[in-house]
Amino acid sequence: MFSVQQIALLQKVIDYIEVHIKEEIKPEELAKMAGYSPFHFYRIFHQHIGYTVMDYVVKRKLQHALFELVNGKKVIEIALEYGFETHSGFTKAFKRTFGSPPSLYRLHCPTSLPPKLDLLNLHQKEVGGIVMQPKIVQKNGFTIAGKTYESKVNDVFFTRDAPAFWDQRIAPEEAIETMLYEKLSPKKHGEYCVNLNNRDMNRTFTYLFAVDCDHEDTQLPQGLTKLHIKPATYAVFKIPPVDVDQFVPAIKGTWKFILEDWLPQSSYEVDERGYDFEYYDELCHDWIYEKITMEIYVPIKDKDKV
């Protein structure tokens, strides 16, 4: 458990990195600033932030570089400004961090600067680490099918209000999940969690647990619901990888981060015409991975195009 004093010291380091993001940053100097030996500082930083010191610095540099990239600055200019000696060095670091080259990722990155990190805020939300900038993706329409569950929870409007619901979440029975895969035979593995009450505020939360329904003419077994989700642009957030006992708090905290921090500071707002949903694939299988994660899809539109 981290003390408020430790969080404050780490915040001082984080703030320094932000101010000097285009300069050379040495981990020994950061340790000295925090008042720890390098060994002790590296351990505390990794435990609290979820990355090694220099991995974090590089990731943060690249997040800021993304903003300049999407606004038209040339890759070589960005590379030199952020301390990468060559175009290829920048590209390699970028691919290592984001899994794609800058030329492709620029199509999927936010148009606004990454929010300034508030460690105490994230700690209080129990996010479990640093929430990276989301990918911005355009998805074609698709159809899902599954079973609905109802719970009476106060003031639940969208799936993004799920923090009110997670504390009393109805876990789908394993038999239902197995049946969905057997009957619908989706092409890819993954489950969706969607709040169907996305038009009128009420006291009932109708939660759809579903998989892809790849064939429109599929006859559903009695008791299942089919839902077509229209084409939309989404901000896709991956929660920080966490231990299984922190999975639900991390999902809850990430929703709160999206609503209270990222959206207000971004150039986007929620597109009320779409559905937001949670997506779970093999990466949330704790019998395979030591730390697990999932994705949150939020339909968005530009604020200045409203």
C-alpha atoms as a PDB file:
ATOM      1  CA  MET A   1       0.000   0.000   0.000  1.00  0.00           C
ATOM      2  CA  PHE A   2       1.427   3.381  -0.990  1.00  0.00           C
ATOM      3  CA  SER A   3       1.348   6.325   1.370  1.00  0.00           C
ATOM      4  CA  VAL A   4       0.145   9.769   0.335  1.00  0.00           C
ATOM      5  CA  GLN A   5       3.724  10.982   0.839  1.00  0.00           C
ATOM      6  CA  GLN A   6       5.109   8.406  -1.621  1.00  0.00           C
ATOM      7  CA  ILE A   7       2.430   9.302  -4.160  1.00  0.00           C
ATOM      8  CA  ALA A   8       3.279  12.998  -3.768  1.00  0.00           C
ATOM      9  CA  LEU A   9       6.976  12.286  -4.384  1.00  0.00           C
ATOM     10  CA  LEU A  10       6.173  10.226  -7.471  1.00  0.00           C
ATOM     11  CA  GLN A  11       3.831  12.978  -8.688  1.00  0.00           C
ATOM     12  CA  LYS A  12       6.734  15.429  -8.400  1.00  0.00           C
ATOM     13  CA  VAL A  13       8.746  13.126 -10.668  1.00  0.00           C
ATOM     14  CA  ILE A  14       5.845  12.705 -13.108  1.00  0.00           C
ATOM     15  CA  ASP A  15       5.358  16.481 -13.292  1.00  0.00           C
ATOM     16  CA  TYR A  16       9.083  16.981 -13.953  1.00  0.00           C
ATOM     17  CA  ILE A  17       8.947  14.472 -16.823  1.00  0.00           C
ATOM     18  CA  GLU A  18       5.985  16.355 -18.347  1.00  0.00           C
ATOM     19  CA  VAL A  19       7.758  19.723 -18.196  1.00  0.00           C
ATOM     20  CA  HIS A  20      10.995  18.302 -19.638  1.00  0.00           C
ATOM     21  CA  ILE A  21       9.401  15.805 -22.023  1.00  0.00           C
ATOM     22  CA  LYS A  22      11.511  16.965 -25.004  1.00  0.00           C
ATOM     23  CA  GLU A  23      14.783  16.846 -23.069  1.00  0.00           C
ATOM     24  CA  GLU A  24      17.102  14.007 -22.092  1.00  0.00           C
ATOM     25  CA  ILE A  25      15.836  12.561 -18.827  1.00  0.00           C
ATOM     26  CA  LYS A  26      18.181  10.499 -16.650  1.00  0.00           C
ATOM     27  CA  PRO A  27      16.696   8.017 -14.156  1.00  0.00           C
ATOM     28  CA  GLU A  28      19.409   8.737 -11.557  1.00  0.00           C
ATOM     29  CA  GLU A  29      18.346  12.384 -11.468  1.00  0.00           C
ATOM     30  CA  LEU A  30      14.720  11.394 -10.991  1.00  0.00           C
ATOM     31  CA  ALA A  31      15.708   9.143  -8.071  1.00  0.00           C
ATOM     32  CA  LYS A  32      17.661  11.986  -6.480  1.00  0.00           C
ATOM     33  CA  MET A  33      14.664  14.301  -6.911  1.00  0.00           C
ATOM     34  CA  ALA A  34      12.445  11.799  -5.090  1.00  0.00           C
ATOM     35  CA  GLY A  35      14.998  11.358  -2.312  1.00  0.00           C
ATOM     36  CA  TYR A  36      15.540   7.629  -2.842  1.00  0.00           C
ATOM     37  CA  SER A  37      18.495   5.485  -3.845  1.00  0.00           C
ATOM     38  CA  PRO A  38      18.259   4.532  -7.530  1.00  0.00           C
ATOM     39  CA  PHE A  39      17.490   0.874  -6.663  1.00  0.00           C
ATOM     40  CA  HIS A  40      14.718   1.787  -4.209  1.00  0.00           C
ATOM     41  CA  PHE A  41      13.267   4.430  -6.541  1.00  0.00           C
ATOM     42  CA  TYR A  42      13.167   2.089  -9.545  1.00  0.00           C
ATOM     43  CA  ARG A  43      11.330  -0.530  -7.482  1.00  0.00           C
ATOM     44  CA  ILE A  44       8.755   1.909  -6.060  1.00  0.00           C
ATOM     45  CA  PHE A  45       8.183   3.556  -9.435  1.00  0.00           C
ATOM     46  CA  HIS A  46       7.584   0.217 -11.154  1.00  0.00           C
ATOM     47  CA  GLN A  47       5.270  -1.025  -8.405  1.00  0.00           C
ATOM     48  CA  HIS A  48       3.111   2.095  -8.464  1.00  0.00           C
ATOM     49  CA  ILE A  49       3.192   3.165 -12.134  1.00  0.00           C
ATOM     50  CA  GLY A  50       3.305  -0.280 -13.732  1.00  0.00           C
ATOM     51  CA  TYR A  51       6.300   0.520 -15.953  1.00  0.00           C
ATOM     52  CA  THR A  52      10.030   0.871 -15.421  1.00  0.00           C
ATOM     53  CA  VAL A  53      11.163   4.494 -15.176  1.00  0.00           C
ATOM     54  CA  MET A  54      12.611   4.709 -18.673  1.00  0.00           C
ATOM     55  CA  ASP A  55       9.821   2.682 -20.257  1.00  0.00           C
ATOM     56  CA  TYR A  56       7.419   5.229 -18.822  1.00  0.00           C
ATOM     57  CA  VAL A  57       9.513   8.154 -20.090  1.00  0.00           C
ATOM     58  CA  VAL A  58       9.620   6.694 -23.595  1.00  0.00           C
ATOM     59  CA  LYS A  59       5.892   5.919 -23.595  1.00  0.00           C
ATOM     60  CA  ARG A  60       5.085   9.432 -22.432  1.00  0.00           C
ATOM     61  CA  LYS A  61       7.347  10.984 -25.067  1.00  0.00           C
ATOM     62  CA  LEU A  62       5.581   8.937 -27.717  1.00  0.00           C
ATOM     63  CA  GLN A  63       2.138   9.893 -26.415  1.00  0.00           C
ATOM     64  CA  HIS A  64       3.040  13.562 -26.790  1.00  0.00           C
ATOM     65  CA  ALA A  65       4.617  12.843 -30.170  1.00  0.00           C
ATOM     66  CA  LEU A  66       1.305  11.323 -31.286  1.00  0.00           C
ATOM     67  CA  PHE A  67      -0.409  14.655 -30.776  1.00  0.00           C
ATOM     68  CA  GLU A  68       2.128  16.390 -33.020  1.00  0.00           C
ATOM     69  CA  LEU A  69       1.953  13.549 -35.538  1.00  0.00           C
ATOM     70  CA  VAL A  70      -1.819  13.768 -35.931  1.00  0.00           C
ATOM     71  CA  ASN A  71      -1.522  17.533 -36.357  1.00  0.00           C
ATOM     72  CA  GLY A  72       0.696  17.177 -39.395  1.00  0.00           C
ATOM     73  CA  LYS A  73       4.268  17.538 -38.174  1.00  0.00           C
ATOM     74  CA  LYS A  74       6.825  15.386 -40.034  1.00  0.00           C
ATOM     75  CA  VAL A  75       8.090  12.246 -38.341  1.00  0.00           C
ATOM     76  CA  ILE A  76      11.752  13.230 -38.603  1.00  0.00           C
ATOM     77  CA  GLU A  77      11.049  16.586 -36.918  1.00  0.00           C
ATOM     78  CA  ILE A  78       9.160  14.889 -34.103  1.00  0.00           C
ATOM     79  CA  ALA A  79      11.879  12.244 -33.699  1.00  0.00           C
ATOM     80  CA  LEU A  80      14.608  14.846 -33.222  1.00  0.00           C
ATOM     81  CA  GLU A  81      12.511  17.024 -30.897  1.00  0.00           C
ATOM     82  CA  TYR A  82      11.822  14.113 -28.558  1.00  0.00           C
ATOM     83  CA  GLY A  83      15.390  12.826 -28.413  1.00  0.00           C
ATOM     84  CA  PHE A  84      15.341  10.041 -30.995  1.00  0.00           C
ATOM     85  CA  GLU A  85      18.453  10.368 -33.123  1.00  0.00           C
ATOM     86  CA  THR A  86      16.976   8.971 -36.339  1.00  0.00           C
ATOM     87  CA  HIS A  87      13.693   8.428 -38.106  1.00  0.00           C
ATOM     88  CA  SER A  88      14.211   4.654 -37.861  1.00  0.00           C
ATOM     89  CA  GLY A  89      14.987   4.850 -34.128  1.00  0.00           C
ATOM     90  CA  PHE A  90      11.736   6.706 -33.506  1.00  0.00           C
ATOM     91  CA  THR A  91       9.780   4.257 -35.657  1.00  0.00           C
ATOM     92  CA  LYS A  92      11.237   1.218 -33.866  1.00  0.00           C
ATOM     93  CA  ALA A  93      10.408   2.679 -30.448  1.00  0.00           C
ATOM     94  CA  PHE A  94       6.925   3.527 -31.680  1.00  0.00           C
ATOM     95  CA  LYS A  95       6.249   0.027 -33.019  1.00  0.00           C
ATOM     96  CA  ARG A  96       7.602  -1.517 -29.822  1.00  0.00           C
ATOM     97  CA  THR A  97       5.213   0.611 -27.728  1.00  0.00           C
ATOM     98  CA  PHE A  98       2.048   0.753 -29.845  1.00  0.00           C
ATOM     99  CA  GLY A  99       2.414  -2.301 -32.065  1.00  0.00           C
ATOM    100  CA  SER A 100       2.214  -0.394 -35.352  1.00  0.00           C
ATOM    101  CA  PRO A 101       4.278   2.155 -37.305  1.00  0.00           C
ATOM    102  CA  PRO A 102       3.575   5.900 -36.849  1.00  0.00           C
ATOM    103  CA  SER A 103       2.088   6.160 -40.353  1.00  0.00           C
ATOM    104  CA  LEU A 104      -0.673   3.707 -39.398  1.00  0.00           C
ATOM    105  CA  TYR A 105      -1.206   4.776 -35.815  1.00  0.00           C
ATOM    106  CA  ARG A 106      -1.744   8.416 -36.768  1.00  0.00           C
ATOM    107  CA  LEU A 107      -5.086   7.258 -38.182  1.00  0.00           C
ATOM    108  CA  HIS A 108      -6.069   5.886 -34.769  1.00  0.00           C
ATOM    109  CA  CYS A 109      -4.798   8.382 -32.229  1.00  0.00           C
ATOM    110  CA  PRO A 110      -6.686  11.131 -30.373  1.00  0.00           C
ATOM    111  CA  THR A 111      -6.571  14.683 -31.697  1.00  0.00           C
ATOM    112  CA  SER A 112      -5.994  16.096 -28.208  1.00  0.00           C
ATOM    113  CA  LEU A 113      -3.000  16.073 -25.886  1.00  0.00           C
ATOM    114  CA  PRO A 114      -2.770  13.197 -23.409  1.00  0.00           C
ATOM    115  CA  PRO A 115      -4.233  14.330 -20.061  1.00  0.00           C
ATOM    116  CA  LYS A 116      -1.759  15.309 -17.376  1.00  0.00           C
ATOM    117  CA  LEU A 117      -1.395  12.408 -14.975  1.00  0.00           C
ATOM    118  CA  ASP A 118      -2.774  12.773 -11.470  1.00  0.00           C
ATOM    119  CA  LEU A 119      -1.417   9.835  -9.489  1.00  0.00           C
ATOM    120  CA  LEU A 120      -3.485  10.455  -6.373  1.00  0.00           C
ATOM    121  CA  ASN A 121      -6.621  10.599  -8.506  1.00  0.00           C
ATOM    122  CA  LEU A 122      -5.744   7.307 -10.252  1.00  0.00           C
ATOM    123  CA  HIS A 123      -4.823   5.724  -6.916  1.00  0.00           C
ATOM    124  CA  GLN A 124      -8.184   6.707  -5.436  1.00  0.00           C
ATOM    125  CA  LYS A 125      -9.959   5.289  -8.491  1.00  0.00           C
ATOM    126  CA  GLU A 126      -8.041   2.000  -8.013  1.00  0.00           C
ATOM    127  CA  VAL A 127      -7.257   1.855 -11.723  1.00  0.00           C
ATOM    128  CA  GLY A 128      -4.231  -0.368 -11.084  1.00  0.00           C
ATOM    129  CA  GLY A 129      -1.721   1.601 -13.151  1.00  0.00           C
ATOM    130  CA  ILE A 130      -1.512   4.237 -15.863  1.00  0.00           C
ATOM    131  CA  VAL A 131      -4.320   4.341 -18.428  1.00  0.00           C
ATOM    132  CA  MET A 132      -2.671   4.932 -21.789  1.00  0.00           C
ATOM    133  CA  GLN A 133      -4.143   7.166 -24.484  1.00  0.00           C
ATOM    134  CA  PRO A 134      -6.963   5.295 -26.234  1.00  0.00           C
ATOM    135  CA  LYS A 135      -6.959   4.166 -29.821  1.00  0.00           C
ATOM    136  CA  ILE A 136      -9.543   5.930 -31.983  1.00  0.00           C
ATOM    137  CA  VAL A 137     -11.100   3.355 -34.300  1.00  0.00           C
ATOM    138  CA  GLN A 138     -13.958   3.276 -36.765  1.00  0.00           C
ATOM    139  CA  LYS A 139     -15.988   0.071 -36.604  1.00  0.00           C
ATOM    140  CA  ASN A 140     -18.459  -1.145 -39.151  1.00  0.00           C
ATOM    141  CA  GLY A 141     -21.847  -2.222 -37.915  1.00  0.00           C
ATOM    142  CA  PHE A 142     -21.985  -5.681 -36.361  1.00  0.00           C
ATOM    143  CA  THR A 143     -24.473  -7.969 -34.667  1.00  0.00           C
ATOM    144  CA  ILE A 144     -24.178  -9.706 -31.320  1.00  0.00           C
ATOM    145  CA  ALA A 145     -26.469 -12.077 -29.481  1.00  0.00           C
ATOM    146  CA  GLY A 146     -26.686 -13.291 -25.933  1.00  0.00           C
ATOM    147  CA  LYS A 147     -28.591 -13.375 -22.672  1.00  0.00           C
ATOM    148  CA  THR A 148     -29.927 -10.404 -20.740  1.00  0.00           C
ATOM    149  CA  TYR A 149     -29.705  -9.916 -16.980  1.00  0.00           C
ATOM    150  CA  GLU A 150     -31.527  -7.321 -14.937  1.00  0.00           C
ATOM    151  CA  SER A 151     -30.539  -5.583 -11.737  1.00  0.00           C
ATOM    152  CA  LYS A 152     -32.175  -2.711  -9.912  1.00  0.00           C
ATOM    153  CA  VAL A 153     -29.452  -0.117  -9.482  1.00  0.00           C
ATOM    154  CA  ASN A 154     -29.998   3.578  -8.875  1.00  0.00           C
ATOM    155  CA  ASP A 155     -29.205   6.058 -11.643  1.00  0.00           C
ATOM    156  CA  VAL A 156     -27.648   3.763 -14.224  1.00  0.00           C
ATOM    157  CA  PHE A 157     -27.940   5.293 -17.686  1.00  0.00           C
ATOM    158  CA  PHE A 158     -25.226   3.891 -19.920  1.00  0.00           C
ATOM    159  CA  THR A 159     -22.778   1.028 -19.643  1.00  0.00           C
ATOM    160  CA  ARG A 160     -20.311   3.742 -18.675  1.00  0.00           C
ATOM    161  CA  ASP A 161     -22.296   4.126 -15.450  1.00  0.00           C
ATOM    162  CA  ALA A 162     -21.284   0.554 -14.666  1.00  0.00           C
ATOM    163  CA  PRO A 163     -19.255   1.563 -11.570  1.00  0.00           C
ATOM    164  CA  ALA A 164     -22.636   1.680  -9.812  1.00  0.00           C
ATOM    165  CA  PHE A 165     -23.297  -1.823 -11.085  1.00  0.00           C
ATOM    166  CA  TRP A 166     -19.964  -3.574 -10.663  1.00  0.00           C
ATOM    167  CA  ASP A 167     -20.359  -3.830  -6.889  1.00  0.00           C
ATOM    168  CA  GLN A 168     -23.364  -6.087  -7.419  1.00  0.00           C
ATOM    169  CA  ARG A 169     -22.535  -7.474 -10.840  1.00  0.00           C
ATOM    170  CA  ILE A 170     -24.434 -10.514 -12.046  1.00  0.00           C
ATOM    171  CA  ALA A 171     -21.813 -12.895 -13.418  1.00  0.00           C
ATOM    172  CA  PRO A 172     -23.098 -14.866 -16.431  1.00  0.00           C
ATOM    173  CA  GLU A 173     -23.315 -18.582 -15.794  1.00  0.00           C
ATOM    174  CA  GLU A 174     -20.524 -20.590 -17.396  1.00  0.00           C
ATOM    175  CA  ALA A 175     -23.178 -22.774 -19.084  1.00  0.00           C
ATOM    176  CA  ILE A 176     -24.590 -19.703 -20.882  1.00  0.00           C
ATOM    177  CA  GLU A 177     -21.164 -18.734 -22.205  1.00  0.00           C
ATOM    178  CA  THR A 178     -20.528 -22.278 -23.426  1.00  0.00           C
ATOM    179  CA  MET A 179     -23.965 -22.447 -25.046  1.00  0.00           C
ATOM    180  CA  LEU A 180     -23.436 -19.146 -26.896  1.00  0.00           C
ATOM    181  CA  TYR A 181     -20.219 -20.387 -28.473  1.00  0.00           C
ATOM    182  CA  GLU A 182     -21.759 -23.731 -29.377  1.00  0.00           C
ATOM    183  CA  LYS A 183     -24.952 -22.303 -30.904  1.00  0.00           C
ATOM    184  CA  LEU A 184     -23.562 -19.178 -32.603  1.00  0.00           C
ATOM    185  CA  SER A 185     -20.038 -20.370 -33.540  1.00  0.00           C
ATOM    186  CA  PRO A 186     -18.547 -16.856 -33.710  1.00  0.00           C
ATOM    187  CA  LYS A 187     -15.448 -16.461 -35.879  1.00  0.00           C
ATOM    188  CA  LYS A 188     -13.461 -14.900 -33.033  1.00  0.00           C
ATOM    189  CA  HIS A 189     -13.423 -15.392 -29.291  1.00  0.00           C
ATOM    190  CA  GLY A 190     -14.667 -12.485 -27.194  1.00  0.00           C
ATOM    191  CA  GLU A 191     -17.613 -11.457 -25.040  1.00  0.00           C
ATOM    192  CA  TYR A 192     -19.487  -8.140 -25.008  1.00  0.00           C
ATOM    193  CA  CYS A 193     -21.183  -6.536 -22.015  1.00  0.00           C
ATOM    194  CA  VAL A 194     -23.693  -3.856 -22.999  1.00  0.00           C
ATOM    195  CA  ASN A 195     -26.322  -1.867 -21.101  1.00  0.00           C
ATOM    196  CA  LEU A 196     -29.453  -1.973 -23.251  1.00  0.00           C
ATOM    197  CA  ASN A 197     -31.144   0.891 -21.358  1.00  0.00           C
ATOM    198  CA  ASN A 198     -29.328   3.583 -23.289  1.00  0.00           C
ATOM    199  CA  ARG A 199     -32.185   5.941 -24.006  1.00  0.00           C
ATOM    200  CA  ASP A 200     -34.174   6.658 -20.842  1.00  0.00           C
ATOM    201  CA  MET A 201     -32.921   6.915 -17.273  1.00  0.00           C
ATOM    202  CA  ASN A 202     -34.619   4.337 -15.125  1.00  0.00           C
ATOM    203  CA  ARG A 203     -34.064   2.160 -12.099  1.00  0.00           C
ATOM    204  CA  THR A 204     -33.419  -1.087 -13.982  1.00  0.00           C
ATOM    205  CA  PHE A 205     -30.097  -2.015 -15.488  1.00  0.00           C
ATOM    206  CA  THR A 206     -30.548  -4.471 -18.369  1.00  0.00           C
ATOM    207  CA  TYR A 207     -27.180  -6.022 -19.061  1.00  0.00           C
ATOM    208  CA  LEU A 208     -26.547  -8.026 -22.254  1.00  0.00           C
ATOM    209  CA  PHE A 209     -23.827 -10.671 -22.139  1.00  0.00           C
ATOM    210  CA  ALA A 210     -23.154 -11.587 -25.776  1.00  0.00           C
ATOM    211  CA  VAL A 211     -20.827 -12.893 -28.471  1.00  0.00           C
ATOM    212  CA  ASP A 212     -20.599 -12.118 -32.171  1.00  0.00           C
ATOM    213  CA  CYS A 213     -23.544 -13.270 -34.261  1.00  0.00           C
ATOM    214  CA  ASP A 214     -21.847 -13.455 -37.655  1.00  0.00           C
ATOM    215  CA  HIS A 215     -24.872 -14.676 -39.613  1.00  0.00           C
ATOM    216  CA  GLU A 216     -27.969 -12.470 -39.644  1.00  0.00           C
ATOM    217  CA  ASP A 217     -30.249 -15.425 -40.382  1.00  0.00           C
ATOM    218  CA  THR A 218     -29.071 -17.418 -37.349  1.00  0.00           C
ATOM    219  CA  GLN A 219     -32.036 -18.779 -35.424  1.00  0.00           C
ATOM    220  CA  LEU A 220     -31.579 -17.967 -31.760  1.00  0.00           C
ATOM    221  CA  PRO A 221     -32.521 -20.390 -28.990  1.00  0.00           C
ATOM    222  CA  GLN A 222     -35.437 -19.201 -26.877  1.00  0.00           C
ATOM    223  CA  GLY A 223     -34.477 -16.649 -24.250  1.00  0.00           C
ATOM    224  CA  LEU A 224     -31.614 -15.021 -26.178  1.00  0.00           C
ATOM    225  CA  THR A 225     -31.516 -11.450 -27.500  1.00  0.00           C
ATOM    226  CA  LYS A 226     -29.993 -10.188 -30.745  1.00  0.00           C
ATOM    227  CA  LEU A 227     -28.596  -6.636 -31.000  1.00  0.00           C
ATOM    228  CA  HIS A 228     -27.280  -4.806 -34.067  1.00  0.00           C
ATOM    229  CA  ILE A 229     -24.720  -2.131 -33.264  1.00  0.00           C
ATOM    230  CA  LYS A 230     -24.482   0.548 -35.952  1.00  0.00           C
ATOM    231  CA  PRO A 231     -21.197   1.840 -37.447  1.00  0.00           C
ATOM    232  CA  ALA A 232     -19.457   4.268 -35.095  1.00  0.00           C
ATOM    233  CA  THR A 233     -16.179   5.863 -34.089  1.00  0.00           C
ATOM    234  CA  TYR A 234     -14.873   4.608 -30.739  1.00  0.00           C
ATOM    235  CA  ALA A 235     -12.265   5.570 -28.196  1.00  0.00           C
ATOM    236  CA  VAL A 236     -10.884   2.202 -27.075  1.00  0.00           C
ATOM    237  CA  PHE A 237      -9.333   2.013 -23.609  1.00  0.00           C
ATOM    238  CA  LYS A 238      -7.386  -0.993 -22.359  1.00  0.00           C
ATOM    239  CA  ILE A 239      -7.284  -1.227 -18.578  1.00  0.00           C
ATOM    240  CA  PRO A 240      -3.802  -1.609 -17.033  1.00  0.00           C
ATOM    241  CA  PRO A 241      -2.912  -5.325 -16.595  1.00  0.00           C
ATOM    242  CA  VAL A 242      -3.768  -6.265 -12.998  1.00  0.00           C
ATOM    243  CA  ASP A 243      -4.002  -9.275 -10.693  1.00  0.00           C
ATOM    244  CA  VAL A 244      -7.352 -11.048 -10.813  1.00  0.00           C
ATOM    245  CA  ASP A 245      -8.452  -9.694  -7.411  1.00  0.00           C
ATOM    246  CA  GLN A 246      -7.991  -6.145  -8.731  1.00  0.00           C
ATOM    247  CA  PHE A 247      -9.778  -6.750 -12.052  1.00  0.00           C
ATOM    248  CA  VAL A 248     -13.226  -5.426 -11.109  1.00  0.00           C
ATOM    249  CA  PRO A 249     -11.860  -2.360  -9.221  1.00  0.00           C
ATOM    250  CA  ALA A 250      -9.611  -1.582 -12.230  1.00  0.00           C
ATOM    251  CA  ILE A 251     -12.561  -1.730 -14.654  1.00  0.00           C
ATOM    252  CA  LYS A 252     -14.600   0.457 -12.345  1.00  0.00           C
ATOM    253  CA  GLY A 253     -11.705   2.906 -11.927  1.00  0.00           C
ATOM    254  CA  THR A 254     -11.020   3.066 -15.659  1.00  0.00           C
ATOM    255  CA  TRP A 255     -14.664   3.977 -16.356  1.00  0.00           C
ATOM    256  CA  LYS A 256     -14.373   6.774 -13.796  1.00  0.00           C
ATOM    257  CA  PHE A 257     -11.102   7.948 -15.367  1.00  0.00           C
ATOM    258  CA  ILE A 258     -12.742   8.043 -18.816  1.00  0.00           C
ATOM    259  CA  LEU A 259     -15.733  10.041 -17.575  1.00  0.00           C
ATOM    260  CA  GLU A 260     -14.083  12.339 -15.074  1.00  0.00           C
ATOM    261  CA  ASP A 261     -10.650  12.916 -16.630  1.00  0.00           C
ATOM    262  CA  TRP A 262     -10.179  11.880 -20.238  1.00  0.00           C
ATOM    263  CA  LEU A 263     -13.449  12.996 -21.826  1.00  0.00           C
ATOM    264  CA  PRO A 264     -13.564  16.463 -20.202  1.00  0.00           C
ATOM    265  CA  GLN A 265      -9.979  17.152 -21.293  1.00  0.00           C
ATOM    266  CA  SER A 266     -10.330  15.697 -24.779  1.00  0.00           C
ATOM    267  CA  SER A 267     -11.750  17.175 -27.978  1.00  0.00           C
ATOM    268  CA  TYR A 268     -14.491  14.520 -27.990  1.00  0.00           C
ATOM    269  CA  GLU A 269     -17.831  13.871 -26.397  1.00  0.00           C
ATOM    270  CA  VAL A 270     -19.899  10.706 -26.184  1.00  0.00           C
ATOM    271  CA  ASP A 271     -21.955   9.965 -29.292  1.00  0.00           C
ATOM    272  CA  GLU A 272     -25.333   9.268 -27.699  1.00  0.00           C
ATOM    273  CA  ARG A 273     -26.555   7.483 -30.835  1.00  0.00           C
ATOM    274  CA  GLY A 274     -24.260   4.533 -30.203  1.00  0.00           C
ATOM    275  CA  TYR A 275     -23.710   1.887 -27.554  1.00  0.00           C
ATOM    276  CA  ASP A 276     -20.684   1.819 -25.314  1.00  0.00           C
ATOM    277  CA  PHE A 277     -19.585  -1.643 -24.305  1.00  0.00           C
ATOM    278  CA  GLU A 278     -16.979  -3.708 -22.512  1.00  0.00           C
ATOM    279  CA  TYR A 279     -15.078  -6.346 -24.478  1.00  0.00           C
ATOM    280  CA  TYR A 280     -13.412  -9.393 -22.948  1.00  0.00           C
ATOM    281  CA  ASP A 281     -11.142 -11.759 -24.885  1.00  0.00           C
ATOM    282  CA  GLU A 282      -8.428 -14.263 -23.948  1.00  0.00           C
ATOM    283  CA  LEU A 283      -6.401 -11.515 -22.249  1.00  0.00           C
ATOM    284  CA  CYS A 284      -8.811 -11.636 -19.306  1.00  0.00           C
ATOM    285  CA  HIS A 285      -8.269 -15.373 -18.710  1.00  0.00           C
ATOM    286  CA  ASP A 286      -6.466 -15.551 -15.384  1.00  0.00           C
ATOM    287  CA  TRP A 287      -5.655 -19.250 -15.897  1.00  0.00           C
ATOM    288  CA  ILE A 288      -3.485 -18.211 -18.862  1.00  0.00           C
ATOM    289  CA  TYR A 289      -2.062 -14.834 -17.827  1.00  0.00           C
ATOM    290  CA  GLU A 290      -0.601 -13.705 -14.509  1.00  0.00           C
ATOM    291  CA  LYS A 291      -2.105 -10.239 -15.020  1.00  0.00           C
ATOM    292  CA  ILE A 292      -5.307  -9.702 -16.961  1.00  0.00           C
ATOM    293  CA  THR A 293      -6.913  -6.886 -18.925  1.00  0.00           C
ATOM    294  CA  MET A 294      -9.930  -5.989 -21.084  1.00  0.00           C
ATOM    295  CA  GLU A 295     -11.149  -3.146 -23.321  1.00  0.00           C
ATOM    296  CA  ILE A 296     -13.796  -0.443 -22.988  1.00  0.00           C
ATOM    297  CA  TYR A 297     -15.325   0.985 -26.190  1.00  0.00           C
ATOM    298  CA  VAL A 298     -16.876   4.457 -25.971  1.00  0.00           C
ATOM    299  CA  PRO A 299     -18.664   5.889 -29.051  1.00  0.00           C
ATOM    300  CA  ILE A 300     -17.409   9.426 -29.641  1.00  0.00           C
ATOM    301  CA  LYS A 301     -17.781  12.465 -31.887  1.00  0.00           C
ATOM    302  CA  ASP A 302     -15.816  15.687 -32.197  1.00  0.00           C
ATOM    303  CA  LYS A 303     -17.074  18.434 -29.915  1.00  0.00           C
ATOM    304  CA  ASP A 304     -16.577  21.104 -32.584  1.00  0.00           C
ATOM    305  CA  LYS A 305     -18.740  19.182 -35.073  1.00  0.00           C
ATOM    306  CA  VAL A 306     -21.806  19.127 -32.842  1.00  0.00           C
END
